Amino acid sequence: MNMLLFSNRNPLKEQNLAHAPKNVKCYNYQSFEKFGQKALFASLSYYDIICFDECHYFFKDSSFNYNTSMVLEYALAKTNQIKIFSSATPEPLFYTNIKFNYTYNIKHDYNGIKEVVFYSDIGTIWDKIITSKKKTFCVMNDMKRAQSLYAQTKDNISLICSKSNSLFRISDKEALDFIIKTEMLPNKIAIATTVLDNGVNLKDPKLTNVVIDVSDPITIIQSLGRKRIENDTQITLYLKVPTTNQIHNLRYYMPPSDNLAALCMQAFMQNHFEEITKKTFIGYWSEIFANSKITVLEGCKDLAKFLKTHVNKPVTSQELSELISEIAPTARITSFNRFFANHNLDFFITAKRVRKDNKQTSQWIVKTSKSFLQENIPPHLKYQAKFNAVKDFCKTPKSAKEIRDFLKISSRYVTTTYIINPLLQNGSLVPLDKDNLHSPNQKYVVPPN
């Protein structure tokens, strides 16, 4: 029987090729996404068995790869083939309403994690990582920070990223080859992008520190799974705690496309981060790693204390820069807000126009991230509450102006962009004149059941 084994990363494909028998062909998903849909379906129909390994790829990569749904559509189609889906993080797949003939669950075993350390800024743990006698595997999304740590550490460290990454010119290709072939770390510290976030095994017994500087659950679980815990090895896991603002952005993640994979990922992220919002990030993951010692590190205490005592009060850039030595007093608001986000400080600076000495001037006001988000709800969320009212109103055909007048919204742009278009996209409304969508006489109606 002919079998096709899919993978989502080149290092994993290389490991598969080294162990696969002759009747098993190993390809990345991306290889088939280059085909048109007809050619893709024809090529995949050749195989008797298809294993969609690391199937979370369809959803996780949909944020930047608009073609992940191509193979997914074939995977969900009814064919006379055996289809196997495997992943340590398959949750987004369930949002497709797929029905399995057989399901096998292997429970996550986290007993090998001796301690979980929650930190807000990787700088607070890096000295400990450098001075540790043990090896460290670190996964990061922030490549500028990764490059800074790499330059700061210099000795006995590898920086590994994909060919598409801007830092590939300084990526340690020999280290990556060594990891693939031996499943060991060649140096004391390895900083990697998501090129190594899944599939590749690390069995190095001296590797006892795992740093995950990302926030989404799929990358956290997949990155942790790279370290194979054997022979009662105990590891220390370092997890970065995202800010309220970062959690909000992840919770209300807007997919770049409306294909199936992207929409399933959006639903999964929203549900997951709703739970994170209720339990807090530390509370949620402390439950997952309930058998481990929990340590929470605090950073930037003086700055946090200052900001807390100045909520809803004016501050100056001079006052802030005295507490943040790396930012000049002449810096813009964005520089300070970026620093707060990078150092997990749940505060935000906004500018307010005030009159002083008979002159208009700008004043900086400290806000908590929570209050700032409540005051600045994204338009696509703000107007979702009006969807049901519009659907009731459009049981008989209505024009855009009639809808606008009904909602008492003066802006045509707002009505079209945030209400009519979303309802058209999800099928809640249909245009009467389908041949001339932009007709000035166009009307919209709820479709019959």
Protein backbone atom coordinates (compact mmCIF):
# COMPACT_ATOMS: atom_id res chain seq x y z
CA MET A 1 0.00 0.00 0.00
CA ASN A 2 1.18 3.49 -0.82
CA MET A 3 1.34 5.90 2.09
CA LEU A 4 1.89 9.63 2.26
CA LEU A 5 3.27 11.14 5.47
CA PHE A 6 2.77 14.91 5.72
CA SER A 7 4.89 17.22 7.86
CA ASN A 8 4.82 20.96 8.40
CA ARG A 9 8.49 21.84 8.92
CA ASN A 10 11.64 20.91 7.00
CA PRO A 11 13.51 19.58 10.07
CA LEU A 12 10.62 17.19 10.80
CA LYS A 13 10.52 16.07 7.16
CA GLU A 14 14.25 15.31 7.32
CA GLN A 15 13.75 13.18 10.41
CA ASN A 16 10.84 11.35 8.74
CA LEU A 17 12.90 10.63 5.62
CA ALA A 18 15.63 9.09 7.77
CA HIS A 19 13.23 6.55 9.30
CA ALA A 20 10.45 5.97 6.73
CA PRO A 21 10.21 2.65 4.77
CA LYS A 22 10.28 2.70 0.96
CA ASN A 23 6.51 2.64 0.47
CA VAL A 24 6.08 5.81 2.56
CA LYS A 25 6.56 9.14 0.81
CA CYS A 26 7.40 12.14 3.00
CA TYR A 27 6.41 15.66 1.99
CA ASN A 28 5.67 18.99 3.61
CA TYR A 29 2.14 20.36 3.26
CA GLN A 30 3.61 23.39 1.52
CA SER A 31 4.82 21.22 -1.40
CA PHE A 32 1.24 20.38 -2.38
CA GLU A 33 -0.09 23.89 -1.80
CA LYS A 34 1.80 24.98 -4.91
CA PHE A 35 -0.65 22.95 -7.04
CA GLY A 36 -4.04 24.10 -8.20
CA GLN A 37 -6.96 22.45 -6.46
CA LYS A 38 -7.65 19.92 -9.25
CA ALA A 39 -4.00 18.88 -9.47
CA LEU A 40 -3.75 18.65 -5.69
CA PHE A 41 -6.83 16.41 -5.43
CA ALA A 42 -5.57 14.22 -8.29
CA SER A 43 -2.12 13.83 -6.69
CA LEU A 44 -3.46 12.95 -3.25
CA SER A 45 -5.96 10.42 -4.61
CA TYR A 46 -3.00 8.19 -5.62
CA TYR A 47 -2.27 7.18 -2.02
CA ASP A 48 -4.03 4.46 -0.04
CA ILE A 49 -3.16 5.97 3.33
CA ILE A 50 -2.51 9.61 4.15
CA CYS A 51 -1.18 10.68 7.54
CA PHE A 52 -1.75 14.36 8.30
CA ASP A 53 0.92 14.65 10.97
CA GLU A 54 1.07 17.88 13.01
CA CYS A 55 -2.40 18.66 11.62
CA HIS A 56 -2.64 21.80 13.76
CA TYR A 57 -0.52 23.29 10.94
CA PHE A 58 -3.68 23.96 8.90
CA PHE A 59 -4.88 26.42 11.51
CA LYS A 60 -1.74 27.71 13.23
CA ASP A 61 -0.08 28.83 9.97
CA SER A 62 -3.28 30.26 8.48
CA SER A 63 -2.39 33.66 9.96
CA PHE A 64 0.31 34.14 7.31
CA ASN A 65 -0.21 31.30 4.81
CA TYR A 66 -3.56 31.66 3.03
CA ASN A 67 -3.19 28.25 1.32
CA THR A 68 -3.37 25.94 4.33
CA SER A 69 -7.05 25.23 3.59
CA MET A 70 -6.18 23.61 0.25
CA VAL A 71 -4.93 20.33 1.76
CA LEU A 72 -7.42 20.65 4.62
CA GLU A 73 -10.36 20.59 2.18
CA TYR A 74 -9.08 17.30 0.73
CA ALA A 75 -8.49 15.95 4.24
CA LEU A 76 -12.13 16.62 5.13
CA ALA A 77 -13.53 15.33 1.82
CA LYS A 78 -15.08 11.85 1.66
CA THR A 79 -12.74 9.47 -0.20
CA ASN A 80 -11.98 5.74 -0.15
CA GLN A 81 -8.73 6.27 1.71
CA ILE A 82 -7.49 5.81 5.24
CA LYS A 83 -6.83 9.26 6.68
CA ILE A 84 -4.94 9.67 9.92
CA PHE A 85 -4.78 12.98 11.81
CA SER A 86 -2.15 13.34 14.53
CA SER A 87 -1.15 16.24 16.75
CA ALA A 88 -0.51 17.06 20.39
CA THR A 89 -2.70 20.15 19.84
CA PRO A 90 -5.59 19.10 17.57
CA GLU A 91 -8.23 21.37 19.18
CA PRO A 92 -8.77 23.76 16.21
CA LEU A 93 -9.52 20.73 14.01
CA PHE A 94 -12.67 20.00 16.02
CA TYR A 95 -14.16 23.33 14.92
CA THR A 96 -14.49 21.85 11.40
CA ASN A 97 -17.14 19.43 12.80
CA ILE A 98 -15.11 16.51 11.44
CA LYS A 99 -16.37 13.03 12.36
CA PHE A 100 -13.76 10.36 13.15
CA ASN A 101 -14.23 6.60 12.93
CA TYR A 102 -11.65 6.03 15.66
CA THR A 103 -10.10 8.39 18.19
CA TYR A 104 -7.04 7.65 20.31
CA ASN A 105 -6.04 9.99 23.13
CA ILE A 106 -2.67 9.90 24.84
CA LYS A 107 -2.80 11.97 28.01
CA HIS A 108 -0.13 14.65 28.41
CA ASP A 109 2.36 13.67 31.10
CA TYR A 110 3.94 16.69 32.76
CA ASN A 111 5.42 14.89 35.77
CA GLY A 112 8.91 15.55 34.41
CA ILE A 113 8.47 19.30 34.91
CA LYS A 114 10.04 20.07 38.27
CA GLU A 115 9.28 23.79 38.29
CA VAL A 116 7.32 26.31 36.20
CA VAL A 117 8.71 29.86 36.35
CA PHE A 118 6.43 32.64 35.12
CA TYR A 119 8.28 35.76 34.02
CA SER A 120 7.30 39.04 32.38
CA ASP A 121 10.58 39.98 30.69
CA ILE A 122 13.14 37.47 29.46
CA GLY A 123 15.91 39.78 30.69
CA THR A 124 15.00 38.86 34.28
CA ILE A 125 15.91 35.20 33.73
CA TRP A 126 18.70 35.44 31.15
CA ASP A 127 21.59 35.82 33.62
CA LYS A 128 20.41 32.65 35.33
CA ILE A 129 20.22 30.86 31.97
CA ILE A 130 23.75 31.95 31.02
CA THR A 131 25.29 30.91 34.34
CA SER A 132 23.44 27.58 34.53
CA LYS A 133 25.56 24.49 33.98
CA LYS A 134 22.66 22.85 32.17
CA LYS A 135 21.55 23.31 28.55
CA THR A 136 18.65 25.56 27.51
CA PHE A 137 16.19 25.44 24.60
CA CYS A 138 14.42 28.74 24.01
CA VAL A 139 11.54 29.42 21.56
CA MET A 140 10.87 33.07 20.66
CA ASN A 141 8.71 35.08 18.26
CA ASP A 142 10.43 38.41 18.88
CA MET A 143 13.41 38.13 16.56
CA LYS A 144 14.88 41.53 17.48
CA ARG A 145 15.02 40.44 21.11
CA ALA A 146 16.40 37.04 20.09
CA GLN A 147 19.17 38.73 18.11
CA SER A 148 19.94 40.99 21.10
CA LEU A 149 20.23 38.01 23.47
CA TYR A 150 22.36 36.15 20.94
CA ALA A 151 24.76 39.10 20.63
CA GLN A 152 24.79 39.58 24.40
CA THR A 153 25.61 35.93 25.14
CA LYS A 154 28.11 35.35 22.29
CA ASP A 155 29.68 32.11 23.48
CA ASN A 156 28.23 28.60 23.29
CA ILE A 157 24.89 29.70 21.80
CA SER A 158 23.03 28.93 18.55
CA LEU A 159 20.37 31.05 16.83
CA ILE A 160 18.15 28.95 14.55
CA CYS A 161 15.45 30.21 12.21
CA SER A 162 13.80 29.38 8.88
CA LYS A 163 14.96 30.50 5.44
CA SER A 164 12.09 32.98 5.23
CA ASN A 165 13.25 34.78 8.39
CA SER A 166 15.23 38.01 8.09
CA LEU A 167 17.84 36.62 10.51
CA PHE A 168 18.56 33.53 8.43
CA ARG A 169 21.90 35.09 7.44
CA ILE A 170 23.15 34.55 11.00
CA SER A 171 21.21 31.34 11.61
CA ASP A 172 23.41 28.40 12.62
CA LYS A 173 22.75 25.89 9.82
CA GLU A 174 25.29 23.41 11.19
CA ALA A 175 23.56 23.43 14.59
CA LEU A 176 20.20 22.71 12.94
CA ASP A 177 21.68 19.77 10.98
CA PHE A 178 23.27 18.46 14.19
CA ILE A 179 19.92 18.63 16.05
CA ILE A 180 18.10 16.80 13.24
CA LYS A 181 20.69 14.02 13.02
CA THR A 182 21.54 13.49 16.69
CA GLU A 183 18.50 14.89 18.57
CA MET A 184 21.00 16.72 20.80
CA LEU A 185 21.93 20.38 21.29
CA PRO A 186 25.42 21.23 19.99
CA ASN A 187 25.76 24.26 22.28
CA LYS A 188 24.73 25.21 25.80
CA ILE A 189 21.90 27.46 24.58
CA ALA A 190 19.73 27.27 21.47
CA ILE A 191 17.36 30.11 20.59
CA ALA A 192 14.90 29.07 17.89
CA THR A 193 11.90 30.48 16.07
CA THR A 194 8.87 28.31 15.42
CA VAL A 195 10.99 26.41 12.87
CA LEU A 196 11.64 24.05 15.81
CA ASP A 197 8.32 24.46 17.63
CA ASN A 198 7.07 21.00 16.68
CA GLY A 199 8.03 17.60 15.32
CA VAL A 200 11.75 17.59 16.08
CA ASN A 201 12.85 15.55 19.09
CA LEU A 202 15.46 16.71 21.61
CA LYS A 203 16.69 13.82 23.76
CA ASP A 204 19.76 15.57 25.16
CA PRO A 205 19.99 14.53 28.88
CA LYS A 206 21.83 17.79 29.70
CA LEU A 207 18.89 19.86 28.39
CA THR A 208 16.92 20.74 31.53
CA ASN A 209 15.80 24.34 30.86
CA VAL A 210 12.99 25.10 28.41
CA VAL A 211 12.09 28.76 27.80
CA ILE A 212 8.88 29.52 25.87
CA ASP A 213 8.65 33.23 25.12
CA VAL A 214 5.29 33.03 23.30
CA SER A 215 1.68 33.09 24.50
CA ASP A 216 -0.54 31.00 22.22
CA PRO A 217 -1.38 27.52 23.59
CA ILE A 218 -0.47 25.57 20.46
CA THR A 219 3.10 26.91 20.38
CA ILE A 220 3.48 26.44 24.14
CA ILE A 221 2.48 22.76 24.10
CA GLN A 222 4.33 22.00 20.84
CA SER A 223 7.54 23.72 22.00
CA LEU A 224 7.45 21.93 25.34
CA GLY A 225 7.04 18.63 23.49
CA ARG A 226 10.40 19.06 21.74
CA LYS A 227 12.15 18.02 24.93
CA ARG A 228 11.71 14.27 25.36
CA ILE A 229 11.75 13.55 29.09
CA GLU A 230 13.37 10.17 29.70
CA ASN A 231 14.90 8.28 32.63
CA ASP A 232 13.31 10.46 35.32
CA THR A 233 14.83 13.66 33.90
CA GLN A 234 13.49 16.79 35.60
CA ILE A 235 13.24 20.09 33.73
CA THR A 236 12.50 23.72 34.56
CA LEU A 237 9.94 25.40 32.30
CA TYR A 238 10.03 29.18 31.87
CA LEU A 239 6.80 30.75 30.56
CA LYS A 240 6.36 34.38 29.54
CA VAL A 241 3.21 36.02 30.93
CA PRO A 242 1.47 38.20 28.30
CA THR A 243 0.03 41.60 29.16
CA THR A 244 -3.70 42.30 29.32
CA ASN A 245 -3.41 44.08 26.00
CA GLN A 246 -1.67 41.10 24.37
CA ILE A 247 -4.31 38.71 25.71
CA HIS A 248 -7.04 41.02 24.38
CA ASN A 249 -5.44 41.03 20.91
CA LEU A 250 -5.14 37.25 20.90
CA ARG A 251 -8.72 36.81 22.14
CA TYR A 252 -10.08 39.05 19.40
CA TYR A 253 -7.68 37.76 16.76
CA MET A 254 -8.93 38.70 13.30
CA PRO A 255 -7.94 36.19 10.60
CA PRO A 256 -6.37 37.65 7.45
CA SER A 257 -8.66 35.55 5.26
CA ASP A 258 -12.09 33.97 5.56
CA ASN A 259 -11.12 30.42 4.57
CA LEU A 260 -12.09 27.46 6.75
CA ALA A 261 -8.73 27.07 8.48
CA ALA A 262 -8.53 30.74 9.45
CA LEU A 263 -12.10 30.84 10.80
CA CYS A 264 -11.57 27.67 12.88
CA MET A 265 -8.38 29.15 14.33
CA GLN A 266 -10.23 32.36 15.16
CA ALA A 267 -12.95 30.44 17.04
CA PHE A 268 -10.38 28.37 18.93
CA MET A 269 -8.31 31.42 19.94
CA GLN A 270 -11.37 33.32 21.11
CA ASN A 271 -12.61 30.47 23.30
CA HIS A 272 -9.15 29.76 24.72
CA PHE A 273 -8.38 33.36 25.64
CA GLU A 274 -11.86 33.88 27.08
CA GLU A 275 -10.89 31.16 29.56
CA ILE A 276 -7.49 32.81 30.10
CA THR A 277 -9.28 36.10 30.82
CA LYS A 278 -11.41 34.41 33.48
CA LYS A 279 -8.62 32.41 35.15
CA THR A 280 -5.61 34.63 34.31
CA PHE A 281 -2.68 33.30 32.32
CA ILE A 282 -0.80 32.16 35.42
CA GLY A 283 -3.93 30.56 36.91
CA TYR A 284 -4.74 28.63 33.73
CA TRP A 285 -1.27 27.17 33.20
CA SER A 286 -0.78 26.52 36.93
CA GLU A 287 -3.77 24.16 36.69
CA ILE A 288 -2.22 22.40 33.68
CA PHE A 289 1.10 21.95 35.50
CA ALA A 290 -0.52 21.25 38.87
CA ASN A 291 2.18 18.82 40.02
CA SER A 292 5.04 21.29 39.48
CA LYS A 293 6.46 23.96 41.76
CA ILE A 294 5.14 27.39 40.65
CA THR A 295 7.34 30.49 40.80
CA VAL A 296 6.26 33.98 39.67
CA LEU A 297 8.97 36.55 38.98
CA GLU A 298 8.30 40.28 39.02
CA GLY A 299 10.11 42.84 36.91
CA CYS A 300 10.30 46.63 36.69
CA LYS A 301 8.92 47.04 40.24
CA ASP A 302 9.73 50.76 40.60
CA LEU A 303 8.17 51.62 37.24
CA ALA A 304 5.08 49.50 37.95
CA LYS A 305 4.62 51.20 41.34
CA PHE A 306 4.93 54.65 39.74
CA LEU A 307 2.40 53.85 37.01
CA LYS A 308 -0.05 52.32 39.48
CA THR A 309 -0.06 55.49 41.59
CA HIS A 310 -0.55 57.68 38.49
CA VAL A 311 -3.50 55.92 36.84
CA ASN A 312 -5.77 58.54 35.18
CA LYS A 313 -3.23 61.20 36.09
CA PRO A 314 -0.86 63.20 33.86
CA VAL A 315 2.82 62.21 33.56
CA THR A 316 5.75 63.58 31.58
CA SER A 317 8.23 61.80 29.36
CA GLN A 318 10.99 63.08 31.66
CA GLU A 319 9.45 61.29 34.65
CA LEU A 320 9.12 58.04 32.70
CA SER A 321 12.61 58.13 31.18
CA GLU A 322 14.12 58.53 34.66
CA LEU A 323 12.65 55.12 35.45
CA ILE A 324 13.46 53.62 32.01
CA SER A 325 17.09 54.34 31.29
CA GLU A 326 17.03 52.95 27.74
CA ILE A 327 14.37 55.43 26.53
CA ALA A 328 15.23 59.10 25.99
CA PRO A 329 12.99 61.89 27.40
CA THR A 330 12.31 63.02 23.82
CA ALA A 331 10.84 59.64 22.83
CA ARG A 332 7.27 59.33 21.58
CA ILE A 333 4.38 57.67 23.40
CA THR A 334 4.71 54.57 21.19
CA SER A 335 8.23 53.91 22.52
CA PHE A 336 7.01 53.85 26.12
CA ASN A 337 3.92 51.75 25.31
CA ARG A 338 6.08 49.26 23.42
CA PHE A 339 8.37 49.01 26.46
CA PHE A 340 5.35 48.37 28.73
CA ALA A 341 4.15 45.57 26.41
CA ASN A 342 7.59 43.95 26.14
CA HIS A 343 8.01 44.03 29.92
CA ASN A 344 4.50 42.79 30.72
CA LEU A 345 3.32 46.00 32.36
CA ASP A 346 -0.46 46.36 32.15
CA PHE A 347 -0.43 50.10 31.53
CA PHE A 348 -0.90 52.37 28.54
CA ILE A 349 -0.09 56.04 27.87
CA THR A 350 -2.63 58.09 25.94
CA ALA A 351 -2.46 61.71 24.76
CA LYS A 352 -5.17 64.16 25.73
CA ARG A 353 -5.62 67.67 24.37
CA VAL A 354 -6.02 70.26 27.17
CA ARG A 355 -6.04 74.05 27.38
CA LYS A 356 -3.24 75.53 29.47
CA ASP A 357 -2.38 79.24 29.70
CA ASN A 358 -4.91 79.91 26.93
CA LYS A 359 -3.07 77.49 24.65
CA GLN A 360 -3.92 74.00 23.38
CA THR A 361 -1.34 71.47 24.55
CA SER A 362 -0.99 67.69 24.71
CA GLN A 363 -0.95 65.89 28.05
CA TRP A 364 0.09 62.28 28.68
CA ILE A 365 -2.34 60.26 30.82
CA VAL A 366 -1.65 56.86 32.42
CA LYS A 367 -4.34 54.23 31.81
CA THR A 368 -4.55 50.61 32.82
CA SER A 369 -4.65 48.31 29.81
CA LYS A 370 -8.09 47.07 30.89
CA SER A 371 -9.65 50.55 31.06
CA PHE A 372 -7.98 51.59 27.82
CA LEU A 373 -9.39 48.56 26.00
CA GLN A 374 -12.86 49.20 27.40
CA GLU A 375 -12.72 52.78 26.13
CA ASN A 376 -11.34 51.75 22.73
CA ILE A 377 -13.40 48.74 21.66
CA PRO A 378 -12.50 47.77 18.06
CA PRO A 379 -15.28 48.78 15.62
CA HIS A 380 -15.83 45.22 14.38
CA LEU A 381 -16.70 44.20 17.97
CA LYS A 382 -18.60 47.35 18.88
CA TYR A 383 -21.16 46.86 16.11
CA GLN A 384 -21.60 43.08 16.46
CA ALA A 385 -24.27 43.76 19.10
CA LYS A 386 -26.45 45.30 16.40
CA PHE A 387 -26.39 42.26 14.09
CA ASN A 388 -29.55 40.59 15.46
CA ALA A 389 -31.53 43.82 15.27
CA VAL A 390 -30.51 44.27 11.63
CA LYS A 391 -31.49 40.68 10.77
CA ASP A 392 -34.93 41.22 12.32
CA PHE A 393 -35.27 44.51 10.45
CA CYS A 394 -34.28 42.92 7.10
CA LYS A 395 -36.89 40.18 7.05
CA THR A 396 -38.24 42.31 4.23
CA PRO A 397 -35.78 43.93 1.76
CA LYS A 398 -34.10 47.10 3.03
CA SER A 399 -31.62 49.50 1.45
CA ALA A 400 -28.33 50.54 3.09
CA LYS A 401 -29.85 53.95 3.87
CA GLU A 402 -32.86 52.35 5.55
CA ILE A 403 -30.55 50.20 7.67
CA ARG A 404 -28.45 53.26 8.52
CA ASP A 405 -31.51 55.26 9.54
CA PHE A 406 -32.86 52.34 11.57
CA LEU A 407 -29.60 52.11 13.54
CA LYS A 408 -29.28 55.90 13.79
CA ILE A 409 -25.77 55.80 12.36
CA SER A 410 -24.80 58.74 10.21
CA SER A 411 -21.74 57.18 8.54
CA ARG A 412 -22.28 55.14 5.36
CA TYR A 413 -18.77 53.71 5.72
CA VAL A 414 -19.41 52.38 9.24
CA THR A 415 -22.75 50.84 8.27
CA THR A 416 -21.32 49.12 5.19
CA THR A 417 -17.95 48.04 6.62
CA TYR A 418 -18.89 46.88 10.10
CA ILE A 419 -22.50 45.75 9.71
CA ILE A 420 -23.68 45.00 6.17
CA ASN A 421 -20.46 43.40 4.84
CA PRO A 422 -19.97 41.03 7.82
CA LEU A 423 -23.61 39.93 7.58
CA LEU A 424 -23.19 39.31 3.84
CA GLN A 425 -19.99 37.32 4.44
CA ASN A 426 -21.53 34.99 7.01
CA GLY A 427 -24.71 34.51 4.93
CA SER A 428 -27.07 36.29 7.33
CA LEU A 429 -28.02 38.74 4.57
CA VAL A 430 -28.13 38.41 0.78
CA PRO A 431 -28.32 41.16 -1.87
CA LEU A 432 -31.43 41.25 -4.06
CA ASP A 433 -29.49 42.38 -7.16
CA LYS A 434 -26.70 39.77 -7.30
CA ASP A 435 -25.61 40.83 -10.77
CA ASN A 436 -24.98 44.43 -9.76
CA LEU A 437 -23.72 44.34 -6.17
CA HIS A 438 -22.89 48.05 -6.01
CA SER A 439 -26.15 49.28 -7.46
CA PRO A 440 -27.42 52.47 -5.75
CA ASN A 441 -30.81 50.76 -5.56
CA GLN A 442 -29.39 47.61 -3.89
CA LYS A 443 -31.43 46.10 -1.09
CA TYR A 444 -30.62 43.38 1.44
CA VAL A 445 -32.79 40.68 2.93
CA VAL A 446 -32.48 37.70 5.28
CA PRO A 447 -32.33 34.53 3.11
CA PRO A 448 -35.07 31.93 3.48
CA ASN A 449 -34.26 28.98 5.73
